[in-house]
Amino acid sequence: MVRKKEEVPENILPEISGNRKKDLQSFLKKKNVEFGIQLLKHYVPRNRRLIAYCETSKDKKYITENLKAILI
């Protein structure tokens, strides 16, 4: 008898739509740090210092404040 490997559902992140308002709303609904970092990489790719700090700190409040300032 062969056992099937159990598939572990990956944490599915929303897609970046390109619409700043929709992207911010989807981030605020999910409050997912990884999605917030992806949004920062998409909208401000040259601000490497901000992205690096957010990746290391994983501070939701800091990421939220920066995304609101950038996307509004």
N, C-alpha and C. Protein backbone atom coordinates (compact mmCIF):
# COMPACT_ATOMS: atom_id res chain seq x y z
N MET A 1 0.84 -1.17 0.00
CA MET A 1 0.00 0.00 0.00
C MET A 1 0.90 1.25 0.00
N VAL A 2 0.64 2.15 -0.90
CA VAL A 2 1.44 3.35 -1.04
C VAL A 2 0.70 4.52 -0.40
N ARG A 3 1.41 5.20 0.48
CA ARG A 3 0.80 6.37 1.13
C ARG A 3 1.07 7.60 0.28
N LYS A 4 0.05 8.41 0.17
CA LYS A 4 0.22 9.67 -0.54
C LYS A 4 0.81 10.70 0.42
N LYS A 5 1.68 11.49 -0.11
CA LYS A 5 2.24 12.56 0.71
C LYS A 5 1.15 13.60 0.97
N GLU A 6 1.08 14.01 2.20
CA GLU A 6 0.11 15.05 2.53
C GLU A 6 0.62 16.38 2.01
N GLU A 7 -0.25 17.04 1.28
CA GLU A 7 0.13 18.33 0.73
C GLU A 7 -0.12 19.40 1.78
N VAL A 8 0.92 20.10 2.09
CA VAL A 8 0.80 21.19 3.05
C VAL A 8 0.42 22.45 2.27
N PRO A 9 -0.74 23.03 2.59
CA PRO A 9 -1.12 24.23 1.86
C PRO A 9 -0.18 25.38 2.18
N GLU A 10 0.35 25.97 1.14
CA GLU A 10 1.26 27.09 1.33
C GLU A 10 0.46 28.33 1.67
N ASN A 11 1.09 29.21 2.38
CA ASN A 11 0.45 30.47 2.72
C ASN A 11 0.34 31.28 1.43
N ILE A 12 -0.84 31.31 0.86
CA ILE A 12 -1.03 31.96 -0.43
C ILE A 12 -1.17 33.47 -0.22
N LEU A 13 -0.28 34.20 -0.86
CA LEU A 13 -0.30 35.65 -0.78
C LEU A 13 -1.15 36.21 -1.91
N PRO A 14 -1.84 37.31 -1.67
CA PRO A 14 -2.59 37.93 -2.76
C PRO A 14 -1.64 38.43 -3.84
N GLU A 15 -2.16 38.53 -5.04
CA GLU A 15 -1.34 39.03 -6.15
C GLU A 15 -1.32 40.55 -6.13
N ILE A 16 -0.24 41.10 -6.58
CA ILE A 16 -0.13 42.55 -6.70
C ILE A 16 -0.85 42.95 -7.98
N SER A 17 -1.88 43.79 -7.83
CA SER A 17 -2.73 44.14 -8.97
C SER A 17 -2.16 45.30 -9.78
N GLY A 18 -1.34 46.12 -9.17
CA GLY A 18 -0.84 47.30 -9.85
C GLY A 18 -1.67 48.53 -9.51
N ASN A 19 -2.84 48.31 -8.93
CA ASN A 19 -3.69 49.40 -8.47
C ASN A 19 -3.34 49.67 -7.01
N ARG A 20 -2.83 50.85 -6.74
CA ARG A 20 -2.32 51.16 -5.40
C ARG A 20 -3.39 51.02 -4.32
N LYS A 21 -4.60 51.50 -4.60
CA LYS A 21 -5.67 51.42 -3.59
C LYS A 21 -6.04 49.98 -3.29
N LYS A 22 -6.20 49.18 -4.32
CA LYS A 22 -6.57 47.77 -4.12
C LYS A 22 -5.47 47.01 -3.39
N ASP A 23 -4.24 47.28 -3.76
CA ASP A 23 -3.12 46.61 -3.10
C ASP A 23 -3.05 46.98 -1.62
N LEU A 24 -3.26 48.25 -1.31
CA LEU A 24 -3.24 48.68 0.09
C LEU A 24 -4.40 48.05 0.86
N GLN A 25 -5.59 48.01 0.25
CA GLN A 25 -6.74 47.41 0.92
C GLN A 25 -6.52 45.93 1.18
N SER A 26 -5.96 45.22 0.21
CA SER A 26 -5.73 43.79 0.42
C SER A 26 -4.66 43.57 1.49
N PHE A 27 -3.67 44.46 1.58
CA PHE A 27 -2.68 44.34 2.65
C PHE A 27 -3.32 44.61 4.01
N LEU A 28 -4.16 45.64 4.09
CA LEU A 28 -4.78 45.98 5.36
C LEU A 28 -5.74 44.89 5.83
N LYS A 29 -6.36 44.17 4.90
CA LYS A 29 -7.24 43.06 5.28
C LYS A 29 -6.44 41.89 5.83
N LYS A 30 -5.37 41.54 5.14
CA LYS A 30 -4.59 40.35 5.51
C LYS A 30 -3.57 40.62 6.61
N LYS A 31 -2.98 41.83 6.61
CA LYS A 31 -1.90 42.18 7.54
C LYS A 31 -0.77 41.15 7.48
N ASN A 32 -0.44 40.72 6.26
CA ASN A 32 0.61 39.74 6.06
C ASN A 32 1.92 40.48 5.80
N VAL A 33 2.90 40.22 6.64
CA VAL A 33 4.19 40.92 6.56
C VAL A 33 4.87 40.63 5.22
N GLU A 34 4.84 39.38 4.79
CA GLU A 34 5.51 39.02 3.53
C GLU A 34 4.88 39.74 2.34
N PHE A 35 3.55 39.86 2.33
CA PHE A 35 2.88 40.58 1.26
C PHE A 35 3.24 42.06 1.31
N GLY A 36 3.35 42.61 2.51
CA GLY A 36 3.75 44.01 2.66
C GLY A 36 5.15 44.26 2.11
N ILE A 37 6.05 43.33 2.37
CA ILE A 37 7.41 43.46 1.85
C ILE A 37 7.42 43.35 0.32
N GLN A 38 6.59 42.46 -0.22
CA GLN A 38 6.48 42.36 -1.68
C GLN A 38 5.96 43.65 -2.28
N LEU A 39 4.99 44.28 -1.62
CA LEU A 39 4.47 45.56 -2.11
C LEU A 39 5.56 46.63 -2.08
N LEU A 40 6.33 46.67 -1.01
CA LEU A 40 7.42 47.64 -0.95
C LEU A 40 8.43 47.40 -2.07
N LYS A 41 8.76 46.15 -2.32
CA LYS A 41 9.70 45.83 -3.40
C LYS A 41 9.14 46.23 -4.76
N HIS A 42 7.82 46.11 -4.92
CA HIS A 42 7.18 46.44 -6.20
C HIS A 42 7.11 47.95 -6.42
N TYR A 43 6.69 48.69 -5.38
CA TYR A 43 6.44 50.12 -5.56
C TYR A 43 7.65 51.01 -5.30
N VAL A 44 8.57 50.60 -4.46
CA VAL A 44 9.78 51.40 -4.21
C VAL A 44 11.02 50.51 -4.27
N PRO A 45 11.31 49.96 -5.45
CA PRO A 45 12.43 49.01 -5.55
C PRO A 45 13.80 49.63 -5.27
N ARG A 46 13.92 50.93 -5.43
CA ARG A 46 15.23 51.57 -5.22
C ARG A 46 15.51 51.87 -3.75
N ASN A 47 14.47 51.84 -2.92
CA ASN A 47 14.67 52.13 -1.49
C ASN A 47 15.07 50.85 -0.77
N ARG A 48 16.29 50.43 -1.01
CA ARG A 48 16.78 49.15 -0.48
C ARG A 48 16.93 49.17 1.03
N ARG A 49 17.23 50.32 1.58
CA ARG A 49 17.40 50.42 3.03
C ARG A 49 16.07 50.14 3.74
N LEU A 50 14.99 50.71 3.23
CA LEU A 50 13.66 50.47 3.80
C LEU A 50 13.27 49.01 3.68
N ILE A 51 13.48 48.43 2.51
CA ILE A 51 13.13 47.03 2.27
C ILE A 51 13.95 46.12 3.18
N ALA A 52 15.24 46.39 3.30
CA ALA A 52 16.10 45.56 4.14
C ALA A 52 15.68 45.64 5.60
N TYR A 53 15.35 46.84 6.07
CA TYR A 53 14.92 46.98 7.46
C TYR A 53 13.62 46.22 7.71
N CYS A 54 12.68 46.34 6.78
CA CYS A 54 11.39 45.67 6.94
C CYS A 54 11.56 44.15 6.90
N GLU A 55 12.46 43.66 6.07
CA GLU A 55 12.70 42.21 6.00
C GLU A 55 13.31 41.68 7.29
N THR A 56 14.17 42.45 7.90
CA THR A 56 14.82 41.96 9.12
C THR A 56 13.96 42.16 10.36
N SER A 57 13.22 43.26 10.42
CA SER A 57 12.45 43.54 11.64
C SER A 57 11.09 42.84 11.65
N LYS A 58 10.47 42.68 10.49
CA LYS A 58 9.13 42.08 10.38
C LYS A 58 8.12 42.83 11.25
N ASP A 59 8.29 44.14 11.38
CA ASP A 59 7.43 44.98 12.21
C ASP A 59 6.19 45.39 11.41
N LYS A 60 5.04 44.83 11.77
CA LYS A 60 3.80 45.10 11.02
C LYS A 60 3.43 46.57 11.04
N LYS A 61 3.56 47.20 12.20
CA LYS A 61 3.18 48.60 12.33
C LYS A 61 4.04 49.48 11.43
N TYR A 62 5.34 49.24 11.41
CA TYR A 62 6.26 50.04 10.59
C TYR A 62 5.97 49.83 9.11
N ILE A 63 5.74 48.59 8.71
CA ILE A 63 5.44 48.30 7.31
C ILE A 63 4.13 48.95 6.90
N THR A 64 3.12 48.88 7.78
CA THR A 64 1.82 49.48 7.49
C THR A 64 1.94 50.99 7.33
N GLU A 65 2.66 51.65 8.22
CA GLU A 65 2.83 53.10 8.13
C GLU A 65 3.51 53.50 6.82
N ASN A 66 4.54 52.77 6.43
CA ASN A 66 5.26 53.10 5.20
C ASN A 66 4.41 52.83 3.97
N LEU A 67 3.67 51.73 3.96
CA LEU A 67 2.81 51.44 2.81
C LEU A 67 1.71 52.49 2.67
N LYS A 68 1.15 52.92 3.79
CA LYS A 68 0.12 53.96 3.72
C LYS A 68 0.71 55.25 3.15
N ALA A 69 1.91 55.61 3.58
CA ALA A 69 2.54 56.83 3.09
C ALA A 69 2.88 56.73 1.60
N ILE A 70 3.27 55.55 1.15
CA ILE A 70 3.68 55.37 -0.24
C ILE A 70 2.48 55.22 -1.17
N LEU A 71 1.48 54.46 -0.75
CA LEU A 71 0.39 54.09 -1.65
C LEU A 71 -0.79 55.05 -1.65
N ILE A 72 -0.86 55.96 -0.68
CA ILE A 72 -2.00 56.90 -0.67
C ILE A 72 -1.63 58.14 -1.44
